[in-house]
Amino acid sequence: MRRAPIVITGTAIGAAAVMAIPSPGTPQQVALAGNAGATTTGGGTAAPSSGTSSASPTPKTNSPAAATAVLGSLVTNQYGQLRVKLTVKAGRITKVGFTTFTASDGHSVEIDQSAVPILIQETISAQSAQIQGVSGATYTTTAYEQSLQAAIDKAALHA
């Protein structure tokens, strides 16, 4: 009979701990400096995608010396989704932005906000998708690299 209060207390503590675990919320747009055009899409989290999409390049002009904007594929993982938008001029990446960038929770938003400027800087320096990943942001880095490579491939086809 002395064990009953211990078992009941343990059960109550365990149940309270399970109820305190946060559930995934709705996706939040990741705010990045200089990227006010990003849009929030979808709801909830989705299974990882193959990273393929039928997004087409969106040239600003037909002049070969002018800058051209190219969209990467929409990549979704359990922490959110993103789509890279490259600006290419004379065969060089001059700017990297996003048309879509969402995160599933506040912690993911914090990670993305610190990792993405590093990824963008690496891209501009390397002029390719062969960049150094960001420690602690593996899923963001992988999704970014997939979308970036798709955009680079499209830019090469339209050069």
N, C-alpha and C. Protein backbone atom coordinates (compact mmCIF):
# COMPACT_ATOMS: atom_id res chain seq x y z
N MET A 1 0.80 -1.20 0.00
CA MET A 1 0.00 0.00 0.00
C MET A 1 0.85 1.27 0.00
N ARG A 2 2.09 1.17 0.45
CA ARG A 2 2.92 2.37 0.47
C ARG A 2 3.39 2.75 -0.93
N ARG A 3 3.34 1.83 -1.87
CA ARG A 3 3.79 2.12 -3.22
C ARG A 3 2.75 2.88 -4.03
N ALA A 4 1.52 2.79 -3.67
CA ALA A 4 0.45 3.43 -4.45
C ALA A 4 0.64 4.94 -4.59
N PRO A 5 0.95 5.68 -3.52
CA PRO A 5 1.16 7.13 -3.70
C PRO A 5 2.35 7.44 -4.62
N ILE A 6 3.40 6.63 -4.55
CA ILE A 6 4.57 6.84 -5.40
C ILE A 6 4.19 6.60 -6.87
N VAL A 7 3.47 5.54 -7.14
CA VAL A 7 3.06 5.21 -8.51
C VAL A 7 2.13 6.29 -9.06
N ILE A 8 1.18 6.74 -8.27
CA ILE A 8 0.23 7.77 -8.71
C ILE A 8 0.97 9.08 -8.98
N THR A 9 1.90 9.46 -8.09
CA THR A 9 2.68 10.68 -8.29
C THR A 9 3.54 10.58 -9.54
N GLY A 10 4.18 9.45 -9.74
CA GLY A 10 5.01 9.25 -10.93
C GLY A 10 4.19 9.31 -12.21
N THR A 11 3.01 8.73 -12.19
CA THR A 11 2.13 8.76 -13.34
C THR A 11 1.69 10.20 -13.65
N ALA A 12 1.35 10.95 -12.63
CA ALA A 12 0.93 12.34 -12.81
C ALA A 12 2.07 13.18 -13.38
N ILE A 13 3.27 13.00 -12.88
CA ILE A 13 4.43 13.75 -13.37
C ILE A 13 4.71 13.38 -14.83
N GLY A 14 4.66 12.11 -15.15
CA GLY A 14 4.89 11.66 -16.52
C GLY A 14 3.85 12.20 -17.48
N ALA A 15 2.59 12.20 -17.08
CA ALA A 15 1.52 12.73 -17.93
C ALA A 15 1.70 14.23 -18.14
N ALA A 16 2.09 14.95 -17.11
CA ALA A 16 2.31 16.39 -17.23
C ALA A 16 3.48 16.68 -18.16
N ALA A 17 4.51 15.87 -18.09
CA ALA A 17 5.67 16.06 -18.96
C ALA A 17 5.30 15.84 -20.42
N VAL A 18 4.50 14.83 -20.70
CA VAL A 18 4.08 14.55 -22.08
C VAL A 18 3.21 15.69 -22.61
N MET A 19 2.33 16.22 -21.78
CA MET A 19 1.46 17.32 -22.23
C MET A 19 2.24 18.62 -22.43
N ALA A 20 3.40 18.75 -21.79
CA ALA A 20 4.19 19.97 -21.91
C ALA A 20 5.03 20.00 -23.19
N ILE A 21 5.18 18.86 -23.88
CA ILE A 21 5.96 18.82 -25.12
C ILE A 21 5.22 19.63 -26.17
N PRO A 22 5.90 20.60 -26.77
CA PRO A 22 5.23 21.43 -27.77
C PRO A 22 4.93 20.65 -29.05
N SER A 23 3.80 20.94 -29.64
CA SER A 23 3.45 20.32 -30.92
C SER A 23 3.86 21.27 -32.03
N PRO A 24 4.10 20.72 -33.24
CA PRO A 24 4.48 21.60 -34.33
C PRO A 24 3.40 22.64 -34.60
N GLY A 25 3.82 23.86 -34.80
CA GLY A 25 2.88 24.94 -35.07
C GLY A 25 2.73 25.16 -36.57
N THR A 26 2.13 26.27 -36.89
CA THR A 26 1.98 26.61 -38.29
C THR A 26 3.29 27.21 -38.80
N PRO A 27 3.58 27.05 -40.08
CA PRO A 27 4.82 27.60 -40.61
C PRO A 27 4.90 29.10 -40.42
N GLN A 28 6.11 29.58 -40.17
CA GLN A 28 6.35 31.00 -40.00
C GLN A 28 7.32 31.45 -41.08
N GLN A 29 7.06 32.61 -41.64
CA GLN A 29 7.98 33.15 -42.63
C GLN A 29 9.28 33.52 -41.94
N VAL A 30 10.38 33.18 -42.58
CA VAL A 30 11.69 33.52 -42.05
C VAL A 30 12.05 34.89 -42.57
N ALA A 31 12.21 35.86 -41.68
CA ALA A 31 12.55 37.22 -42.07
C ALA A 31 14.06 37.35 -42.20
N LEU A 32 14.49 37.69 -43.40
CA LEU A 32 15.91 37.88 -43.66
C LEU A 32 16.12 39.28 -44.22
N ALA A 33 17.18 39.91 -43.86
CA ALA A 33 17.47 41.25 -44.35
C ALA A 33 17.58 41.24 -45.87
N GLY A 34 16.89 42.17 -46.51
CA GLY A 34 16.95 42.29 -47.97
C GLY A 34 16.11 41.28 -48.70
N ASN A 35 15.21 40.59 -48.01
CA ASN A 35 14.42 39.56 -48.65
C ASN A 35 12.95 39.74 -48.31
N ALA A 36 12.42 40.93 -48.49
CA ALA A 36 11.04 41.24 -48.14
C ALA A 36 10.05 40.55 -49.04
N GLY A 37 10.47 40.02 -50.19
CA GLY A 37 9.55 39.42 -51.14
C GLY A 37 9.23 37.96 -50.86
N ALA A 38 9.78 37.36 -49.82
CA ALA A 38 9.51 35.96 -49.55
C ALA A 38 8.06 35.79 -49.14
N THR A 39 7.47 34.70 -49.57
CA THR A 39 6.08 34.43 -49.24
C THR A 39 5.97 33.17 -48.42
N THR A 40 4.93 33.11 -47.63
CA THR A 40 4.64 31.93 -46.84
C THR A 40 3.69 31.05 -47.64
N THR A 41 4.01 29.78 -47.74
CA THR A 41 3.16 28.87 -48.47
C THR A 41 2.83 27.66 -47.63
N GLY A 42 1.70 27.05 -47.92
CA GLY A 42 1.34 25.79 -47.30
C GLY A 42 0.98 25.92 -45.84
N GLY A 43 0.67 24.80 -45.24
CA GLY A 43 0.34 24.75 -43.83
C GLY A 43 0.88 23.48 -43.24
N GLY A 44 1.36 23.53 -42.03
CA GLY A 44 1.88 22.36 -41.36
C GLY A 44 3.21 21.93 -41.96
N THR A 45 3.68 20.77 -41.52
CA THR A 45 4.94 20.27 -42.03
C THR A 45 4.66 19.20 -43.06
N ALA A 46 5.62 18.96 -43.89
CA ALA A 46 5.45 17.97 -44.96
C ALA A 46 6.64 17.03 -44.96
N ALA A 47 6.48 15.93 -45.65
CA ALA A 47 7.56 14.97 -45.79
C ALA A 47 8.64 15.56 -46.69
N PRO A 48 9.88 15.10 -46.54
CA PRO A 48 10.94 15.62 -47.38
C PRO A 48 10.62 15.38 -48.86
N SER A 49 10.98 16.34 -49.69
CA SER A 49 10.75 16.19 -51.12
C SER A 49 12.05 15.87 -51.81
N SER A 50 11.95 15.48 -53.06
CA SER A 50 13.13 15.15 -53.82
C SER A 50 13.85 16.41 -54.26
N GLY A 51 13.24 17.57 -54.08
CA GLY A 51 13.88 18.81 -54.45
C GLY A 51 13.62 19.20 -55.89
N THR A 52 12.72 18.49 -56.57
CA THR A 52 12.44 18.84 -57.95
C THR A 52 11.18 19.67 -58.03
N SER A 53 11.13 20.52 -59.01
CA SER A 53 10.00 21.40 -59.19
C SER A 53 9.95 21.83 -60.64
N SER A 54 8.81 22.31 -61.07
CA SER A 54 8.68 22.77 -62.44
C SER A 54 8.82 24.28 -62.52
N ALA A 55 9.50 24.87 -61.54
CA ALA A 55 9.69 26.32 -61.55
C ALA A 55 10.50 26.71 -62.78
N SER A 56 10.11 27.80 -63.41
CA SER A 56 10.81 28.24 -64.60
C SER A 56 11.59 29.51 -64.31
N PRO A 57 12.66 29.74 -65.09
CA PRO A 57 13.42 30.95 -64.88
C PRO A 57 12.59 32.17 -65.24
N THR A 58 12.90 33.27 -64.58
CA THR A 58 12.17 34.51 -64.85
C THR A 58 13.16 35.59 -65.25
N PRO A 59 13.50 35.65 -66.54
CA PRO A 59 14.47 36.65 -66.96
C PRO A 59 13.90 38.05 -66.84
N LYS A 60 14.75 38.99 -66.44
CA LYS A 60 14.33 40.39 -66.34
C LYS A 60 14.35 41.03 -67.73
N THR A 61 15.38 40.71 -68.52
CA THR A 61 15.45 41.21 -69.89
C THR A 61 16.10 40.15 -70.76
N ASN A 62 16.08 40.36 -72.06
CA ASN A 62 16.69 39.40 -72.97
C ASN A 62 18.12 39.76 -73.33
N SER A 63 18.64 40.86 -72.85
CA SER A 63 19.99 41.28 -73.15
C SER A 63 20.99 40.39 -72.41
N PRO A 64 22.03 39.87 -73.11
CA PRO A 64 22.98 38.98 -72.44
C PRO A 64 23.78 39.66 -71.34
N ALA A 65 23.95 40.98 -71.42
CA ALA A 65 24.71 41.69 -70.40
C ALA A 65 23.86 42.05 -69.18
N ALA A 66 22.54 41.89 -69.31
CA ALA A 66 21.65 42.24 -68.21
C ALA A 66 21.58 41.10 -67.19
N ALA A 67 21.18 41.45 -65.98
CA ALA A 67 21.02 40.46 -64.93
C ALA A 67 19.75 39.64 -65.19
N THR A 68 19.82 38.36 -64.86
CA THR A 68 18.70 37.45 -65.03
C THR A 68 18.39 36.80 -63.69
N ALA A 69 17.12 36.75 -63.34
CA ALA A 69 16.68 36.08 -62.12
C ALA A 69 16.24 34.66 -62.47
N VAL A 70 16.70 33.70 -61.69
CA VAL A 70 16.39 32.29 -61.92
C VAL A 70 15.92 31.68 -60.61
N LEU A 71 14.83 30.91 -60.68
CA LEU A 71 14.29 30.25 -59.49
C LEU A 71 14.80 28.83 -59.38
N GLY A 72 15.13 28.44 -58.15
CA GLY A 72 15.48 27.05 -57.87
C GLY A 72 14.22 26.26 -57.58
N SER A 73 14.40 25.02 -57.21
CA SER A 73 13.26 24.17 -56.89
C SER A 73 12.75 24.48 -55.48
N LEU A 74 11.49 24.18 -55.25
CA LEU A 74 10.90 24.31 -53.91
C LEU A 74 11.27 23.06 -53.14
N VAL A 75 11.99 23.23 -52.04
CA VAL A 75 12.46 22.09 -51.25
C VAL A 75 11.76 22.14 -49.89
N THR A 76 11.17 21.01 -49.51
CA THR A 76 10.43 20.90 -48.26
C THR A 76 11.07 19.83 -47.38
N ASN A 77 11.24 20.13 -46.10
CA ASN A 77 11.66 19.13 -45.14
C ASN A 77 10.81 19.29 -43.88
N GLN A 78 11.10 18.53 -42.83
CA GLN A 78 10.24 18.58 -41.65
C GLN A 78 10.33 19.89 -40.88
N TYR A 79 11.27 20.76 -41.22
CA TYR A 79 11.41 22.02 -40.51
C TYR A 79 10.94 23.23 -41.31
N GLY A 80 10.49 23.02 -42.54
CA GLY A 80 9.99 24.13 -43.34
C GLY A 80 10.24 23.91 -44.82
N GLN A 81 10.22 25.01 -45.57
CA GLN A 81 10.48 24.92 -47.00
C GLN A 81 11.11 26.20 -47.50
N LEU A 82 11.84 26.06 -48.62
CA LEU A 82 12.47 27.23 -49.20
C LEU A 82 12.63 27.06 -50.70
N ARG A 83 12.73 28.20 -51.38
CA ARG A 83 13.03 28.24 -52.81
C ARG A 83 13.99 29.41 -53.03
N VAL A 84 15.13 29.10 -53.62
CA VAL A 84 16.17 30.09 -53.87
C VAL A 84 15.86 30.86 -55.15
N LYS A 85 16.20 32.14 -55.14
CA LYS A 85 16.12 32.98 -56.33
C LYS A 85 17.50 33.59 -56.55
N LEU A 86 18.13 33.22 -57.67
CA LEU A 86 19.46 33.74 -58.00
C LEU A 86 19.35 34.89 -58.98
N THR A 87 20.24 35.83 -58.86
CA THR A 87 20.42 36.84 -59.89
C THR A 87 21.79 36.59 -60.49
N VAL A 88 21.80 36.36 -61.80
CA VAL A 88 23.03 36.02 -62.52
C VAL A 88 23.29 37.09 -63.56
N LYS A 89 24.52 37.56 -63.62
CA LYS A 89 24.90 38.55 -64.62
C LYS A 89 26.26 38.15 -65.19
N ALA A 90 26.32 38.05 -66.51
CA ALA A 90 27.56 37.67 -67.20
C ALA A 90 28.13 36.36 -66.65
N GLY A 91 27.25 35.41 -66.36
CA GLY A 91 27.67 34.10 -65.89
C GLY A 91 28.11 34.04 -64.44
N ARG A 92 27.93 35.11 -63.68
CA ARG A 92 28.31 35.13 -62.28
C ARG A 92 27.09 35.35 -61.39
N ILE A 93 27.07 34.69 -60.25
CA ILE A 93 26.00 34.88 -59.27
C ILE A 93 26.27 36.21 -58.58
N THR A 94 25.33 37.14 -58.71
CA THR A 94 25.50 38.46 -58.10
C THR A 94 24.64 38.65 -56.86
N LYS A 95 23.56 37.88 -56.75
CA LYS A 95 22.65 38.04 -55.61
C LYS A 95 21.91 36.73 -55.37
N VAL A 96 21.66 36.43 -54.11
CA VAL A 96 20.88 35.26 -53.73
C VAL A 96 19.76 35.72 -52.82
N GLY A 97 18.54 35.32 -53.12
CA GLY A 97 17.37 35.63 -52.29
C GLY A 97 16.46 34.43 -52.26
N PHE A 98 15.24 34.65 -51.81
CA PHE A 98 14.27 33.56 -51.69
C PHE A 98 12.90 34.04 -52.14
N THR A 99 12.16 33.17 -52.81
CA THR A 99 10.77 33.49 -53.10
C THR A 99 9.88 32.86 -52.03
N THR A 100 10.36 31.78 -51.43
CA THR A 100 9.64 31.11 -50.34
C THR A 100 10.66 30.73 -49.28
N PHE A 101 10.35 31.06 -48.04
CA PHE A 101 11.20 30.62 -46.94
C PHE A 101 10.35 30.58 -45.68
N THR A 102 9.97 29.37 -45.27
CA THR A 102 9.16 29.20 -44.07
C THR A 102 9.85 28.22 -43.12
N ALA A 103 9.53 28.34 -41.85
CA ALA A 103 10.03 27.43 -40.83
C ALA A 103 8.86 26.97 -39.99
N SER A 104 8.95 25.75 -39.46
CA SER A 104 7.83 25.16 -38.74
C SER A 104 7.70 25.64 -37.30
N ASP A 105 8.75 26.23 -36.74
CA ASP A 105 8.67 26.68 -35.35
C ASP A 105 9.68 27.80 -35.10
N GLY A 106 9.58 28.42 -33.95
CA GLY A 106 10.44 29.55 -33.61
C GLY A 106 11.92 29.20 -33.55
N HIS A 107 12.23 28.00 -33.08
CA HIS A 107 13.62 27.59 -33.00
C HIS A 107 14.23 27.47 -34.40
N SER A 108 13.46 26.92 -35.33
CA SER A 108 13.93 26.81 -36.72
C SER A 108 14.14 28.18 -37.34
N VAL A 109 13.26 29.12 -37.02
CA VAL A 109 13.41 30.49 -37.52
C VAL A 109 14.74 31.07 -37.05
N GLU A 110 15.06 30.89 -35.77
CA GLU A 110 16.32 31.40 -35.23
C GLU A 110 17.52 30.79 -35.93
N ILE A 111 17.47 29.48 -36.13
CA ILE A 111 18.57 28.79 -36.82
C ILE A 111 18.73 29.33 -38.23
N ASP A 112 17.61 29.45 -38.95
CA ASP A 112 17.64 29.92 -40.34
C ASP A 112 18.17 31.34 -40.45
N GLN A 113 17.75 32.20 -39.53
CA GLN A 113 18.18 33.60 -39.59
C GLN A 113 19.68 33.74 -39.38
N SER A 114 20.28 32.85 -38.63
CA SER A 114 21.73 32.94 -38.44
C SER A 114 22.49 32.17 -39.52
N ALA A 115 21.92 31.10 -40.06
CA ALA A 115 22.63 30.27 -41.04
C ALA A 115 22.59 30.84 -42.45
N VAL A 116 21.46 31.40 -42.86
CA VAL A 116 21.29 31.81 -44.26
C VAL A 116 22.28 32.89 -44.70
N PRO A 117 22.56 33.92 -43.92
CA PRO A 117 23.57 34.89 -44.39
C PRO A 117 24.93 34.24 -44.67
N ILE A 118 25.29 33.25 -43.88
CA ILE A 118 26.55 32.53 -44.09
C ILE A 118 26.47 31.74 -45.39
N LEU A 119 25.35 31.05 -45.63
CA LEU A 119 25.19 30.27 -46.85
C LEU A 119 25.24 31.17 -48.09
N ILE A 120 24.60 32.33 -48.00
CA ILE A 120 24.60 33.27 -49.13
C ILE A 120 26.03 33.77 -49.40
N GLN A 121 26.74 34.12 -48.35
CA GLN A 121 28.13 34.59 -48.51
C GLN A 121 29.00 33.50 -49.14
N GLU A 122 28.82 32.26 -48.69
CA GLU A 122 29.57 31.13 -49.26
C GLU A 122 29.25 30.96 -50.75
N THR A 123 27.98 31.13 -51.11
CA THR A 123 27.56 30.97 -52.50
C THR A 123 28.21 32.04 -53.38
N ILE A 124 28.17 33.28 -52.94
CA ILE A 124 28.77 34.37 -53.72
C ILE A 124 30.27 34.14 -53.88
N SER A 125 30.93 33.68 -52.83
CA SER A 125 32.37 33.43 -52.89
C SER A 125 32.70 32.25 -53.80
N ALA A 126 31.96 31.14 -53.66
CA ALA A 126 32.26 29.93 -54.41
C ALA A 126 31.72 29.96 -55.84
N GLN A 127 30.70 30.77 -56.08
CA GLN A 127 30.04 30.82 -57.39
C GLN A 127 29.54 29.44 -57.81
N SER A 128 29.11 28.65 -56.84
CA SER A 128 28.57 27.32 -57.11
C SER A 128 27.78 26.85 -55.89
N ALA A 129 27.22 25.65 -56.00
CA ALA A 129 26.49 25.06 -54.87
C ALA A 129 27.43 24.23 -53.99
N GLN A 130 28.69 24.16 -54.35
CA GLN A 130 29.68 23.43 -53.56
C GLN A 130 30.19 24.35 -52.45
N ILE A 131 29.38 24.47 -51.40
CA ILE A 131 29.67 25.41 -50.32
C ILE A 131 29.85 24.67 -49.00
N GLN A 132 30.44 25.36 -48.05
CA GLN A 132 30.62 24.82 -46.71
C GLN A 132 29.29 24.88 -45.98
N GLY A 133 28.85 23.79 -45.37
CA GLY A 133 27.61 23.79 -44.62
C GLY A 133 27.75 24.55 -43.31
N VAL A 134 26.62 24.86 -42.69
CA VAL A 134 26.61 25.58 -41.43
C VAL A 134 26.30 24.58 -40.32
N SER A 135 27.19 24.49 -39.35
CA SER A 135 27.02 23.58 -38.23
C SER A 135 25.75 23.95 -37.45
N GLY A 136 24.94 22.96 -37.17
CA GLY A 136 23.70 23.19 -36.43
C GLY A 136 22.52 23.52 -37.33
N ALA A 137 22.76 23.64 -38.63
CA ALA A 137 21.70 23.95 -39.59
C ALA A 137 21.76 22.99 -40.77
N THR A 138 21.90 21.72 -40.48
CA THR A 138 22.08 20.71 -41.52
C THR A 138 20.90 20.65 -42.47
N TYR A 139 19.67 20.66 -41.96
CA TYR A 139 18.50 20.56 -42.82
C TYR A 139 18.35 21.81 -43.68
N THR A 140 18.60 22.97 -43.11
CA THR A 140 18.53 24.21 -43.87
C THR A 140 19.60 24.21 -44.95
N THR A 141 20.82 23.81 -44.60
CA THR A 141 21.91 23.77 -45.56
C THR A 141 21.60 22.83 -46.71
N THR A 142 21.10 21.64 -46.40
CA THR A 142 20.79 20.66 -47.44
C THR A 142 19.69 21.17 -48.37
N ALA A 143 18.63 21.73 -47.81
CA ALA A 143 17.53 22.26 -48.63
C ALA A 143 18.03 23.42 -49.49
N TYR A 144 18.84 24.29 -48.91
CA TYR A 144 19.39 25.44 -49.63
C TYR A 144 20.25 24.96 -50.80
N GLU A 145 21.13 23.99 -50.55
CA GLU A 145 22.01 23.49 -51.61
C GLU A 145 21.21 22.85 -52.74
N GLN A 146 20.13 22.12 -52.42
CA GLN A 146 19.30 21.49 -53.45
C GLN A 146 18.64 22.54 -54.33
N SER A 147 18.03 23.54 -53.71
CA SER A 147 17.36 24.58 -54.47
C SER A 147 18.37 25.42 -55.25
N LEU A 148 19.50 25.71 -54.62
CA LEU A 148 20.56 26.49 -55.27
C LEU A 148 21.08 25.77 -56.51
N GLN A 149 21.33 24.47 -56.41
CA GLN A 149 21.86 23.72 -57.55
C GLN A 149 20.85 23.71 -58.70
N ALA A 150 19.56 23.59 -58.38
CA ALA A 150 18.54 23.63 -59.42
C ALA A 150 18.53 24.98 -60.14
N ALA A 151 18.71 26.06 -59.37
CA ALA A 151 18.75 27.40 -59.96
C ALA A 151 19.99 27.57 -60.82
N ILE A 152 21.13 27.08 -60.35
CA ILE A 152 22.37 27.19 -61.12
C ILE A 152 22.25 26.39 -62.43
N ASP A 153 21.64 25.22 -62.36
CA ASP A 153 21.45 24.40 -63.57
C ASP A 153 20.58 25.13 -64.57
N LYS A 154 19.51 25.76 -64.11
CA LYS A 154 18.61 26.52 -65.01
C LYS A 154 19.33 27.73 -65.60
N ALA A 155 20.14 28.39 -64.78
CA ALA A 155 20.88 29.56 -65.27
C ALA A 155 21.86 29.14 -66.37
N ALA A 156 22.49 27.98 -66.21
CA ALA A 156 23.44 27.50 -67.21
C ALA A 156 22.71 27.16 -68.52
N LEU A 157 21.51 26.64 -68.43
CA LEU A 157 20.74 26.30 -69.64
C LEU A 157 20.31 27.53 -70.40
N HIS A 158 20.10 28.63 -69.68
CA HIS A 158 19.59 29.83 -70.31
C HIS A 158 20.67 30.88 -70.53
N ALA A 159 21.93 30.50 -70.35
CA ALA A 159 23.02 31.46 -70.54
C ALA A 159 23.33 31.68 -72.01
